[in-house]
C-alpha atoms as a PDB file:
ATOM      1  CA  MET A   1       6.480  11.663  -8.063  1.00  0.00           C
ATOM      2  CA  ASP A   2       8.085  12.893  -4.658  1.00  0.00           C
ATOM      3  CA  LEU A   3      10.590  11.203  -1.967  1.00  0.00           C
ATOM      4  CA  GLU A   4       8.089   9.890   0.377  1.00  0.00           C
ATOM      5  CA  THR A   5       5.730   8.113  -3.172  1.00  0.00           C
ATOM      6  CA  PHE A   6       9.399   6.253  -4.459  1.00  0.00           C
ATOM      7  CA  ARG A   7      10.380   5.221  -1.109  1.00  0.00           C
ATOM      8  CA  ALA A   8       6.337   3.718  -1.145  1.00  0.00           C
ATOM      9  CA  LEU A   9       7.164   1.720  -4.092  1.00  0.00           C
ATOM     10  CA  LEU A  10      10.240   0.060  -3.093  1.00  0.00           C
ATOM     11  CA  ARG A  11       8.315  -1.194  -0.181  1.00  0.00           C
ATOM     12  CA  GLY A  12       5.799  -4.033   0.113  1.00  0.00           C
ATOM     13  CA  GLU A  13       2.685  -2.721  -1.133  1.00  0.00           C
ATOM     14  CA  GLY A  14       4.529  -0.611  -3.774  1.00  0.00           C
ATOM     15  CA  GLN A  15       5.726  -3.639  -4.654  1.00  0.00           C
ATOM     16  CA  ASN A  16       3.109  -5.779  -4.810  1.00  0.00           C
ATOM     17  CA  LEU A  17       1.049  -2.707  -7.502  1.00  0.00           C
ATOM     18  CA  LEU A  18       4.228  -3.202  -9.798  1.00  0.00           C
ATOM     19  CA  ALA A  19       4.069  -6.668  -9.448  1.00  0.00           C
ATOM     20  CA  VAL A  20       0.269  -6.768 -10.122  1.00  0.00           C
ATOM     21  CA  LEU A  21       0.516  -3.555 -12.809  1.00  0.00           C
ATOM     22  CA  GLN A  22       3.995  -5.555 -14.939  1.00  0.00           C
ATOM     23  CA  ASP A  23       0.695  -8.444 -15.796  1.00  0.00           C
ATOM     24  CA  VAL A  24      -2.106  -6.091 -16.502  1.00  0.00           C
ATOM     25  CA  ASP A  25      -2.857  -6.216 -21.071  1.00  0.00           C
ATOM     26  CA  PRO A  26      -1.773  -2.241 -21.957  1.00  0.00           C
ATOM     27  CA  ALA A  27      -5.622  -1.811 -22.982  1.00  0.00           C
ATOM     28  CA  GLU A  28      -7.201  -3.350 -19.338  1.00  0.00           C
ATOM     29  CA  GLU A  29      -4.562  -0.390 -17.498  1.00  0.00           C
ATOM     30  CA  PRO A  30      -7.001   1.658 -16.921  1.00  0.00           C
ATOM     31  CA  VAL A  31     -10.090  -0.511 -15.440  1.00  0.00           C
ATOM     32  CA  THR A  32      -7.403  -2.055 -13.726  1.00  0.00           C
ATOM     33  CA  ALA A  33      -6.060   1.064 -11.876  1.00  0.00           C
ATOM     34  CA  ALA A  34      -9.216   2.705 -11.229  1.00  0.00           C
ATOM     35  CA  ASP A  35      -9.880  -0.476  -9.673  1.00  0.00           C
ATOM     36  CA  LEU A  36      -6.575  -0.404  -7.258  1.00  0.00           C
ATOM     37  CA  ARG A  37      -6.859   3.051  -6.382  1.00  0.00           C
ATOM     38  CA  ARG A  38     -10.229   2.730  -4.637  1.00  0.00           C
ATOM     39  CA  LYS A  39      -8.323  -0.306  -2.253  1.00  0.00           C
ATOM     40  CA  HIS A  40      -4.762   1.608  -2.121  1.00  0.00           C
ATOM     41  CA  PRO A  41      -3.414   5.624  -1.508  1.00  0.00           C
ATOM     42  CA  ALA A  42      -4.112   7.039  -5.388  1.00  0.00           C
ATOM     43  CA  ALA A  43      -0.525   8.892  -5.492  1.00  0.00           C
ATOM     44  CA  LEU A  44       0.850   5.008  -5.234  1.00  0.00           C
ATOM     45  CA  VAL A  45      -0.740   3.139  -7.381  1.00  0.00           C
ATOM     46  CA  SER A  46      -0.255   6.560 -10.209  1.00  0.00           C
ATOM     47  CA  ALA A  47       3.659   6.097  -9.071  1.00  0.00           C
ATOM     48  CA  ALA A  48       3.255   2.325 -10.231  1.00  0.00           C
ATOM     49  CA  VAL A  49       1.408   3.261 -13.499  1.00  0.00           C
ATOM     50  CA  GLU A  50       3.890   5.130 -14.904  1.00  0.00           C
ATOM     51  CA  GLN A  51       6.712   2.704 -14.191  1.00  0.00           C
ATOM     52  CA  VAL A  52       4.716  -0.348 -15.770  1.00  0.00           C
END
Protein backbone atom coordinates (compact mmCIF):
# COMPACT_ATOMS: atom_id res chain seq x y z
CA MET A 1 0.00 0.00 0.00
CA ASP A 2 1.31 3.42 -0.87
CA LEU A 3 1.51 6.30 1.58
CA GLU A 4 -1.44 8.16 0.07
CA THR A 5 -3.71 5.13 0.47
CA PHE A 6 -2.51 4.61 4.03
CA ARG A 7 -3.33 8.22 4.86
CA ALA A 8 -6.76 7.79 3.26
CA LEU A 9 -7.44 4.89 5.64
CA LEU A 10 -6.92 7.26 8.53
CA ARG A 11 -9.51 9.74 7.24
CA GLY A 12 -13.31 9.59 7.19
CA GLU A 13 -13.98 7.38 4.17
CA GLY A 14 -11.22 4.94 5.10
CA GLN A 15 -12.37 4.75 8.70
CA ASN A 16 -15.94 4.09 7.53
CA LEU A 17 -14.74 1.26 5.30
CA LEU A 18 -12.76 -0.28 8.14
CA ALA A 19 -15.82 -0.10 10.40
CA VAL A 20 -18.05 -1.75 7.81
CA LEU A 21 -15.55 -4.51 7.04
CA GLN A 22 -14.90 -5.23 10.70
CA ASP A 23 -18.45 -6.57 11.09
CA VAL A 24 -18.55 -8.64 7.88
CA ASP A 25 -18.65 -12.43 8.06
CA PRO A 26 -15.43 -13.70 6.43
CA ALA A 27 -17.50 -15.83 4.05
CA GLU A 28 -19.25 -12.68 2.81
CA GLU A 29 -16.11 -10.53 2.56
CA PRO A 30 -15.54 -10.99 -1.21
CA VAL A 31 -19.12 -10.00 -2.04
CA THR A 32 -19.03 -7.06 0.34
CA ALA A 33 -15.67 -5.89 -1.00
CA ALA A 34 -16.95 -6.06 -4.58
CA ASP A 35 -19.99 -3.99 -3.62
CA LEU A 36 -17.83 -1.43 -1.80
CA ARG A 37 -15.55 -1.13 -4.84
CA ARG A 38 -18.53 0.13 -6.84
CA LYS A 39 -18.95 3.01 -4.38
CA HIS A 40 -15.38 3.75 -3.23
CA PRO A 41 -11.90 3.79 -4.79
CA ALA A 42 -10.77 0.22 -5.39
CA ALA A 43 -7.31 0.80 -3.89
CA LEU A 44 -8.86 2.13 -0.69
CA VAL A 45 -11.24 -0.82 -0.37
CA SER A 46 -8.40 -3.27 -1.00
CA ALA A 47 -6.25 -1.59 1.64
CA ALA A 48 -9.12 -1.71 4.14
CA VAL A 49 -9.73 -5.42 3.42
CA GLU A 50 -6.04 -6.13 4.03
CA GLN A 51 -6.23 -4.47 7.45
CA VAL A 52 -9.30 -6.26 8.79
